[in-house]
Amino acid sequence: MQKTTSIFSKTIPAGGKWSSYIQRGKNIRFTALADDANVSLLFYNADDLAERYNMPDSLKAQYTAFLTKGNVLMSDNGRVLASFVEDSVGWHDTISGYSTKQHIEEKYGRTTYQEMRNDWYRNGEDNLLIELVRNGLKVNDLSPVVNLFSKVYCDDEGNMHFVEGHAKKGDTVTLRTEMDVLLILSNTPHPFDTKNTYPSTPIEITITDAEPIQSDDICLNYRDENRRAFENTWEYLMLTKGGHQ
């Protein structure tokens, strides 16, 4: 039976940002506290920040353009940073990027902290950059994100379409950390969101201890490429940490 005792819980308000180092072997559950959530994520190897989530490798190795249960976040060194172990949504966007200041101001209007205090309209790019710098990284360390709770698909002509109402209040997705990681996130609107008012959807983060990986683990067995990435990870952990569990 999976352990459920929470070791950490935090609510990220609409427009909020957050970052933290998280040990391997943890479940990070994200819960949408209202409809139409979007949370942009970045992952880095906590022991070597030059190693980070690689979007092209993760997608081509798993023959997909989106992520859901069974998928993993691969690093640019062919290792697994985190795995999707539970998912009530079924589709998380990987190809659309994050919102920018220009995009937010053009769509929702220009606001300032002086005028609106904590209700001013923040954007994904600035939020992520602030957290990168706080953790000793730089602007050029900003890379493609995973947009939890959002769905974007391409039609036969290559046009990208944002699906309205994809995520509902109470939806959850759980990522299991396979390495010690630095997680950086921004709870800001998806760049393709069609609403004309700035979304206000808080999300809850809950971290618990994960059970050790078993031989029938869905993420391990999703594809042969996943297994090789796990084996690369375990070899790295054996040499640097003295074990992989």
C-alpha atoms as a PDB file:
ATOM      1  CA  MET A   1       0.000   0.000   0.000  1.00  0.00           C
ATOM      2  CA  GLN A   2       1.292   3.449  -0.915  1.00  0.00           C
ATOM      3  CA  LYS A   3       2.214   5.757   1.935  1.00  0.00           C
ATOM      4  CA  THR A   4      -0.108   8.716   2.242  1.00  0.00           C
ATOM      5  CA  THR A   5       1.265  10.666   5.203  1.00  0.00           C
ATOM      6  CA  SER A   6       1.906  14.207   4.019  1.00  0.00           C
ATOM      7  CA  ILE A   7       5.326  15.652   4.762  1.00  0.00           C
ATOM      8  CA  PHE A   8       4.555  18.988   3.081  1.00  0.00           C
ATOM      9  CA  SER A   9       1.524  20.852   1.760  1.00  0.00           C
ATOM     10  CA  LYS A  10       1.247  24.286   0.210  1.00  0.00           C
ATOM     11  CA  THR A  11      -1.313  26.277  -1.763  1.00  0.00           C
ATOM     12  CA  ILE A  12      -0.015  28.327  -4.686  1.00  0.00           C
ATOM     13  CA  PRO A  13      -2.408  31.196  -5.469  1.00  0.00           C
ATOM     14  CA  ALA A  14      -3.308  32.303  -8.974  1.00  0.00           C
ATOM     15  CA  GLY A  15      -0.291  34.114 -10.395  1.00  0.00           C
ATOM     16  CA  GLY A  16       1.981  32.556  -7.777  1.00  0.00           C
ATOM     17  CA  LYS A  17       5.393  30.970  -8.166  1.00  0.00           C
ATOM     18  CA  TRP A  18       7.435  28.504  -6.114  1.00  0.00           C
ATOM     19  CA  SER A  19      10.637  26.500  -6.157  1.00  0.00           C
ATOM     20  CA  SER A  20      12.217  23.883  -3.932  1.00  0.00           C
ATOM     21  CA  TYR A  21      14.780  21.116  -3.833  1.00  0.00           C
ATOM     22  CA  ILE A  22      12.997  17.782  -3.403  1.00  0.00           C
ATOM     23  CA  GLN A  23      14.592  14.449  -2.584  1.00  0.00           C
ATOM     24  CA  ARG A  24      14.171  11.412  -4.798  1.00  0.00           C
ATOM     25  CA  GLY A  25      11.505   8.925  -3.762  1.00  0.00           C
ATOM     26  CA  LYS A  26       8.774  11.518  -3.149  1.00  0.00           C
ATOM     27  CA  ASN A  27       5.292  11.849  -4.632  1.00  0.00           C
ATOM     28  CA  ILE A  28       4.347  15.400  -5.574  1.00  0.00           C
ATOM     29  CA  ARG A  29       0.586  15.694  -5.985  1.00  0.00           C
ATOM     30  CA  PHE A  30      -0.854  18.752  -7.712  1.00  0.00           C
ATOM     31  CA  THR A  31      -4.547  19.446  -7.088  1.00  0.00           C
ATOM     32  CA  ALA A  32      -6.630  22.012  -8.997  1.00  0.00           C
ATOM     33  CA  LEU A  33      -8.693  23.957  -6.470  1.00  0.00           C
ATOM     34  CA  ALA A  34     -10.894  25.435  -9.225  1.00  0.00           C
ATOM     35  CA  ASP A  35     -11.600  24.827 -12.911  1.00  0.00           C
ATOM     36  CA  ASP A  36      -9.151  25.641 -15.721  1.00  0.00           C
ATOM     37  CA  ALA A  37      -5.847  25.277 -13.879  1.00  0.00           C
ATOM     38  CA  ASN A  38      -2.456  25.644 -15.560  1.00  0.00           C
ATOM     39  CA  VAL A  39       0.872  25.139 -13.817  1.00  0.00           C
ATOM     40  CA  SER A  40       4.140  25.494 -15.744  1.00  0.00           C
ATOM     41  CA  LEU A  41       6.958  23.229 -14.469  1.00  0.00           C
ATOM     42  CA  LEU A  42      10.725  23.064 -14.819  1.00  0.00           C
ATOM     43  CA  PHE A  43      12.889  20.241 -13.397  1.00  0.00           C
ATOM     44  CA  TYR A  44      16.656  20.169 -12.786  1.00  0.00           C
ATOM     45  CA  ASN A  45      19.058  17.653 -11.271  1.00  0.00           C
ATOM     46  CA  ALA A  46      19.603  19.040  -7.767  1.00  0.00           C
ATOM     47  CA  ASP A  47      23.248  17.915  -7.733  1.00  0.00           C
ATOM     48  CA  ASP A  48      24.104  19.219 -11.201  1.00  0.00           C
ATOM     49  CA  LEU A  49      21.857  22.036 -12.362  1.00  0.00           C
ATOM     50  CA  ALA A  50      23.283  21.801 -15.870  1.00  0.00           C
ATOM     51  CA  GLU A  51      21.183  18.648 -16.238  1.00  0.00           C
ATOM     52  CA  ARG A  52      17.499  19.397 -16.720  1.00  0.00           C
ATOM     53  CA  TYR A  53      14.220  18.242 -18.277  1.00  0.00           C
ATOM     54  CA  ASN A  54      14.644  17.746 -22.012  1.00  0.00           C
ATOM     55  CA  MET A  55      11.359  18.146 -23.856  1.00  0.00           C
ATOM     56  CA  PRO A  56      12.414  16.789 -27.299  1.00  0.00           C
ATOM     57  CA  ASP A  57      14.050  13.662 -25.883  1.00  0.00           C
ATOM     58  CA  SER A  58      11.147  12.967 -23.507  1.00  0.00           C
ATOM     59  CA  LEU A  59       8.590  13.173 -26.310  1.00  0.00           C
ATOM     60  CA  LYS A  60      10.414  11.300 -29.072  1.00  0.00           C
ATOM     61  CA  ALA A  61      11.527   8.486 -26.744  1.00  0.00           C
ATOM     62  CA  GLN A  62       7.931   7.917 -25.604  1.00  0.00           C
ATOM     63  CA  TYR A  63       6.298   8.481 -29.010  1.00  0.00           C
ATOM     64  CA  THR A  64       3.995  11.200 -27.732  1.00  0.00           C
ATOM     65  CA  ALA A  65       3.335  14.945 -27.884  1.00  0.00           C
ATOM     66  CA  PHE A  66       1.774  15.140 -24.419  1.00  0.00           C
ATOM     67  CA  LEU A  67       2.339  13.545 -21.022  1.00  0.00           C
ATOM     68  CA  THR A  68       0.131  11.487 -18.722  1.00  0.00           C
ATOM     69  CA  LYS A  69       0.252   8.454 -16.408  1.00  0.00           C
ATOM     70  CA  GLY A  70       3.087   6.130 -17.375  1.00  0.00           C
ATOM     71  CA  ASN A  71       5.215   8.858 -18.938  1.00  0.00           C
ATOM     72  CA  VAL A  72       8.466  10.194 -17.523  1.00  0.00           C
ATOM     73  CA  LEU A  73      10.411  13.444 -17.649  1.00  0.00           C
ATOM     74  CA  MET A  74      13.795  12.586 -19.154  1.00  0.00           C
ATOM     75  CA  SER A  75      16.870  14.728 -18.707  1.00  0.00           C
ATOM     76  CA  ASP A  76      19.334  15.729 -21.403  1.00  0.00           C
ATOM     77  CA  ASN A  77      21.590  12.970 -20.038  1.00  0.00           C
ATOM     78  CA  GLY A  78      19.029  10.251 -20.705  1.00  0.00           C
ATOM     79  CA  ARG A  79      17.968   9.833 -17.082  1.00  0.00           C
ATOM     80  CA  VAL A  80      14.566  10.077 -15.389  1.00  0.00           C
ATOM     81  CA  LEU A  81      13.954  13.135 -13.247  1.00  0.00           C
ATOM     82  CA  ALA A  82      10.313  12.378 -12.411  1.00  0.00           C
ATOM     83  CA  SER A  83       7.488  10.046 -13.436  1.00  0.00           C
ATOM     84  CA  PHE A  84       3.729  10.488 -13.890  1.00  0.00           C
ATOM     85  CA  VAL A  85       2.331   7.878 -11.490  1.00  0.00           C
ATOM     86  CA  GLU A  86      -1.274   9.132 -11.170  1.00  0.00           C
ATOM     87  CA  ASP A  87      -3.357  11.410 -13.364  1.00  0.00           C
ATOM     88  CA  SER A  88      -7.073  12.224 -13.408  1.00  0.00           C
ATOM     89  CA  VAL A  89      -6.721  14.587 -16.373  1.00  0.00           C
ATOM     90  CA  GLY A  90      -5.130  12.415 -19.072  1.00  0.00           C
ATOM     91  CA  TRP A  91      -3.270  15.058 -21.073  1.00  0.00           C
ATOM     92  CA  HIS A  92      -0.666  17.647 -20.053  1.00  0.00           C
ATOM     93  CA  ASP A  93       0.698  20.113 -22.589  1.00  0.00           C
ATOM     94  CA  THR A  94       4.406  20.040 -23.511  1.00  0.00           C
ATOM     95  CA  ILE A  95       4.633  22.112 -26.684  1.00  0.00           C
ATOM     96  CA  SER A  96       3.106  25.535 -26.020  1.00  0.00           C
ATOM     97  CA  GLY A  97       5.555  27.193 -23.643  1.00  0.00           C
ATOM     98  CA  TYR A  98       4.703  29.810 -21.021  1.00  0.00           C
ATOM     99  CA  SER A  99       3.000  33.196 -20.970  1.00  0.00           C
ATOM    100  CA  THR A 100       5.030  36.402 -21.301  1.00  0.00           C
ATOM    101  CA  LYS A 101       4.536  39.941 -20.024  1.00  0.00           C
ATOM    102  CA  GLN A 102       3.617  41.174 -23.510  1.00  0.00           C
ATOM    103  CA  HIS A 103       1.087  38.387 -23.974  1.00  0.00           C
ATOM    104  CA  ILE A 104      -0.587  38.989 -20.589  1.00  0.00           C
ATOM    105  CA  GLU A 105      -0.806  42.754 -21.083  1.00  0.00           C
ATOM    106  CA  GLU A 106      -2.215  42.430 -24.593  1.00  0.00           C
ATOM    107  CA  LYS A 107      -4.836  39.893 -23.523  1.00  0.00           C
ATOM    108  CA  TYR A 108      -5.843  40.979 -20.016  1.00  0.00           C
ATOM    109  CA  GLY A 109      -4.591  44.552 -19.713  1.00  0.00           C
ATOM    110  CA  ARG A 110      -1.619  46.182 -18.039  1.00  0.00           C
ATOM    111  CA  THR A 111      -1.518  46.083 -14.239  1.00  0.00           C
ATOM    112  CA  THR A 112       1.066  46.972 -11.609  1.00  0.00           C
ATOM    113  CA  TYR A 113       1.743  45.892  -8.055  1.00  0.00           C
ATOM    114  CA  GLN A 114       1.351  49.511  -6.923  1.00  0.00           C
ATOM    115  CA  GLU A 115      -2.206  49.573  -8.277  1.00  0.00           C
ATOM    116  CA  MET A 116      -3.438  46.069  -7.441  1.00  0.00           C
ATOM    117  CA  ARG A 117      -0.961  44.694  -4.878  1.00  0.00           C
ATOM    118  CA  ASN A 118      -0.945  40.887  -4.974  1.00  0.00           C
ATOM    119  CA  ASP A 119      -3.820  40.801  -7.477  1.00  0.00           C
ATOM    120  CA  TRP A 120      -1.706  42.200 -10.328  1.00  0.00           C
ATOM    121  CA  TYR A 121      -1.409  40.014 -13.434  1.00  0.00           C
ATOM    122  CA  ARG A 122       1.809  38.007 -13.427  1.00  0.00           C
ATOM    123  CA  ASN A 123       3.213  35.974 -16.295  1.00  0.00           C
ATOM    124  CA  GLY A 124       5.000  32.661 -16.572  1.00  0.00           C
ATOM    125  CA  GLU A 125       8.269  33.925 -18.008  1.00  0.00           C
ATOM    126  CA  ASP A 126       8.948  36.471 -15.265  1.00  0.00           C
ATOM    127  CA  ASN A 127       7.856  34.075 -12.502  1.00  0.00           C
ATOM    128  CA  LEU A 128      10.141  31.309 -13.754  1.00  0.00           C
ATOM    129  CA  LEU A 129      13.085  33.670 -14.222  1.00  0.00           C
ATOM    130  CA  ILE A 130      12.749  34.992 -10.674  1.00  0.00           C
ATOM    131  CA  GLU A 131      12.857  31.467  -9.253  1.00  0.00           C
ATOM    132  CA  LEU A 132      15.770  30.504 -11.514  1.00  0.00           C
ATOM    133  CA  VAL A 133      17.853  33.410 -10.246  1.00  0.00           C
ATOM    134  CA  ARG A 134      16.926  32.635  -6.634  1.00  0.00           C
ATOM    135  CA  ASN A 135      18.429  29.193  -7.148  1.00  0.00           C
ATOM    136  CA  GLY A 136      21.681  30.349  -8.722  1.00  0.00           C
ATOM    137  CA  LEU A 137      20.623  29.895 -12.343  1.00  0.00           C
ATOM    138  CA  LYS A 138      20.478  32.424 -15.174  1.00  0.00           C
ATOM    139  CA  VAL A 139      18.199  33.577 -17.969  1.00  0.00           C
ATOM    140  CA  ASN A 140      19.712  31.125 -20.442  1.00  0.00           C
ATOM    141  CA  ASP A 141      18.756  28.256 -18.108  1.00  0.00           C
ATOM    142  CA  LEU A 142      15.083  28.823 -18.938  1.00  0.00           C
ATOM    143  CA  SER A 143      13.877  25.916 -21.075  1.00  0.00           C
ATOM    144  CA  PRO A 144      10.606  24.339 -22.367  1.00  0.00           C
ATOM    145  CA  VAL A 145       8.056  23.683 -19.635  1.00  0.00           C
ATOM    146  CA  VAL A 146       5.378  21.119 -18.909  1.00  0.00           C
ATOM    147  CA  ASN A 147       1.961  22.758 -18.540  1.00  0.00           C
ATOM    148  CA  LEU A 148       0.034  20.621 -16.081  1.00  0.00           C
ATOM    149  CA  PHE A 149      -3.773  20.522 -16.468  1.00  0.00           C
ATOM    150  CA  SER A 150      -3.769  22.003 -20.016  1.00  0.00           C
ATOM    151  CA  LYS A 151      -4.466  20.326 -23.362  1.00  0.00           C
ATOM    152  CA  VAL A 152      -3.256  21.558 -26.737  1.00  0.00           C
ATOM    153  CA  TYR A 153      -3.449  19.415 -29.862  1.00  0.00           C
ATOM    154  CA  CYS A 154      -2.437  19.867 -33.491  1.00  0.00           C
ATOM    155  CA  ASP A 155      -4.776  19.259 -36.422  1.00  0.00           C
ATOM    156  CA  ASP A 156      -3.760  17.695 -39.747  1.00  0.00           C
ATOM    157  CA  GLU A 157      -2.547  21.078 -41.014  1.00  0.00           C
ATOM    158  CA  GLY A 158      -0.321  21.600 -37.987  1.00  0.00           C
ATOM    159  CA  ASN A 159      -2.515  24.235 -36.335  1.00  0.00           C
ATOM    160  CA  MET A 160      -2.453  24.191 -32.536  1.00  0.00           C
ATOM    161  CA  HIS A 161      -5.757  24.150 -30.635  1.00  0.00           C
ATOM    162  CA  PHE A 162      -6.324  24.898 -26.949  1.00  0.00           C
ATOM    163  CA  VAL A 163      -9.069  22.785 -25.342  1.00  0.00           C
ATOM    164  CA  GLU A 164     -11.318  24.818 -23.079  1.00  0.00           C
ATOM    165  CA  GLY A 165     -12.570  23.270 -19.837  1.00  0.00           C
ATOM    166  CA  HIS A 166      -9.994  20.483 -19.921  1.00  0.00           C
ATOM    167  CA  ALA A 167      -9.249  20.504 -16.177  1.00  0.00           C
ATOM    168  CA  LYS A 168     -11.927  20.616 -13.491  1.00  0.00           C
ATOM    169  CA  LYS A 169     -11.883  21.500  -9.806  1.00  0.00           C
ATOM    170  CA  GLY A 170     -10.469  18.557  -7.863  1.00  0.00           C
ATOM    171  CA  ASP A 171      -8.393  17.115 -10.703  1.00  0.00           C
ATOM    172  CA  THR A 172      -5.021  15.784  -9.595  1.00  0.00           C
ATOM    173  CA  VAL A 173      -1.734  14.658 -11.095  1.00  0.00           C
ATOM    174  CA  THR A 174       1.089  13.029  -9.129  1.00  0.00           C
ATOM    175  CA  LEU A 175       4.756  13.042 -10.098  1.00  0.00           C
ATOM    176  CA  ARG A 176       7.273  10.729  -8.416  1.00  0.00           C
ATOM    177  CA  THR A 177      10.816  12.031  -8.134  1.00  0.00           C
ATOM    178  CA  GLU A 178      13.415   9.556  -9.417  1.00  0.00           C
ATOM    179  CA  MET A 179      16.391  11.803  -8.596  1.00  0.00           C
ATOM    180  CA  ASP A 180      17.021  14.658  -6.180  1.00  0.00           C
ATOM    181  CA  VAL A 181      15.524  17.545  -8.126  1.00  0.00           C
ATOM    182  CA  LEU A 182      15.039  21.270  -8.181  1.00  0.00           C
ATOM    183  CA  LEU A 183      11.416  22.001  -9.058  1.00  0.00           C
ATOM    184  CA  ILE A 184      10.439  25.447 -10.322  1.00  0.00           C
ATOM    185  CA  LEU A 185       6.829  26.322 -11.104  1.00  0.00           C
ATOM    186  CA  SER A 186       4.555  29.173 -12.096  1.00  0.00           C
ATOM    187  CA  ASN A 187       0.787  29.152 -11.574  1.00  0.00           C
ATOM    188  CA  THR A 188      -0.005  31.502 -14.457  1.00  0.00           C
ATOM    189  CA  PRO A 189      -2.346  31.392 -17.479  1.00  0.00           C
ATOM    190  CA  HIS A 190      -1.595  29.106 -20.386  1.00  0.00           C
ATOM    191  CA  PRO A 191      -0.427  31.246 -23.347  1.00  0.00           C
ATOM    192  CA  PHE A 192      -3.289  29.905 -25.508  1.00  0.00           C
ATOM    193  CA  ASP A 193      -6.020  30.280 -22.881  1.00  0.00           C
ATOM    194  CA  THR A 194      -9.116  31.654 -24.613  1.00  0.00           C
ATOM    195  CA  LYS A 195     -10.709  33.406 -21.618  1.00  0.00           C
ATOM    196  CA  ASN A 196     -10.835  37.207 -21.684  1.00  0.00           C
ATOM    197  CA  THR A 197     -10.435  37.566 -17.926  1.00  0.00           C
ATOM    198  CA  TYR A 198      -7.249  36.654 -16.044  1.00  0.00           C
ATOM    199  CA  PRO A 199      -7.779  33.120 -14.652  1.00  0.00           C
ATOM    200  CA  SER A 200      -7.926  32.725 -10.883  1.00  0.00           C
ATOM    201  CA  THR A 201      -7.189  29.083 -10.086  1.00  0.00           C
ATOM    202  CA  PRO A 202      -5.137  28.211  -7.008  1.00  0.00           C
ATOM    203  CA  ILE A 203      -3.442  24.829  -6.869  1.00  0.00           C
ATOM    204  CA  GLU A 204      -2.373  22.700  -3.913  1.00  0.00           C
ATOM    205  CA  ILE A 205       0.933  20.866  -3.728  1.00  0.00           C
ATOM    206  CA  THR A 206       1.188  17.882  -1.398  1.00  0.00           C
ATOM    207  CA  ILE A 207       4.400  15.884  -0.982  1.00  0.00           C
ATOM    208  CA  THR A 208       4.465  12.364   0.472  1.00  0.00           C
ATOM    209  CA  ASP A 209       6.935   9.486   0.582  1.00  0.00           C
ATOM    210  CA  ALA A 210       6.693   7.206  -2.452  1.00  0.00           C
ATOM    211  CA  GLU A 211       6.803   3.431  -2.368  1.00  0.00           C
ATOM    212  CA  PRO A 212       9.918   1.812  -3.898  1.00  0.00           C
ATOM    213  CA  ILE A 213       9.578   0.990  -7.590  1.00  0.00           C
ATOM    214  CA  GLN A 214       8.325  -2.534  -8.245  1.00  0.00           C
ATOM    215  CA  SER A 215       8.985  -4.701 -11.306  1.00  0.00           C
ATOM    216  CA  ASP A 216       5.472  -4.043 -12.643  1.00  0.00           C
ATOM    217  CA  ASP A 217       5.732  -0.251 -12.338  1.00  0.00           C
ATOM    218  CA  ILE A 218       3.779   1.408 -15.155  1.00  0.00           C
ATOM    219  CA  CYS A 219       6.397   4.110 -15.798  1.00  0.00           C
ATOM    220  CA  LEU A 220       9.276   1.634 -15.850  1.00  0.00           C
ATOM    221  CA  ASN A 221       7.465  -0.609 -18.333  1.00  0.00           C
ATOM    222  CA  TYR A 222       5.774   2.033 -20.500  1.00  0.00           C
ATOM    223  CA  ARG A 223       8.385   1.674 -23.248  1.00  0.00           C
ATOM    224  CA  ASP A 224      11.820   0.092 -23.640  1.00  0.00           C
ATOM    225  CA  GLU A 225      13.215   3.616 -23.786  1.00  0.00           C
ATOM    226  CA  ASN A 226      11.750   4.306 -20.332  1.00  0.00           C
ATOM    227  CA  ARG A 227      13.462   1.249 -18.873  1.00  0.00           C
ATOM    228  CA  ARG A 228      16.818   2.278 -20.326  1.00  0.00           C
ATOM    229  CA  ALA A 229      16.377   5.774 -18.860  1.00  0.00           C
ATOM    230  CA  PHE A 230      15.605   4.253 -15.443  1.00  0.00           C
ATOM    231  CA  GLU A 231      18.670   2.008 -15.714  1.00  0.00           C
ATOM    232  CA  ASN A 232      20.795   5.057 -16.547  1.00  0.00           C
ATOM    233  CA  THR A 233      19.346   6.783 -13.488  1.00  0.00           C
ATOM    234  CA  TRP A 234      19.993   3.842 -11.168  1.00  0.00           C
ATOM    235  CA  GLU A 235      23.580   3.560 -12.385  1.00  0.00           C
ATOM    236  CA  TYR A 236      24.105   7.266 -11.710  1.00  0.00           C
ATOM    237  CA  LEU A 237      22.578   6.976  -8.237  1.00  0.00           C
ATOM    238  CA  MET A 238      24.623   3.898  -7.412  1.00  0.00           C
ATOM    239  CA  LEU A 239      27.843   5.717  -8.269  1.00  0.00           C
ATOM    240  CA  THR A 240      26.940   9.049  -6.621  1.00  0.00           C
ATOM    241  CA  LYS A 241      24.543   8.118  -3.798  1.00  0.00           C
ATOM    242  CA  GLY A 242      25.386   4.490  -3.068  1.00  0.00           C
ATOM    243  CA  GLY A 243      22.005   3.131  -4.156  1.00  0.00           C
ATOM    244  CA  HIS A 244      18.813   3.869  -6.110  1.00  0.00           C
ATOM    245  CA  GLN A 245      16.110   3.196  -3.538  1.00  0.00           C
END
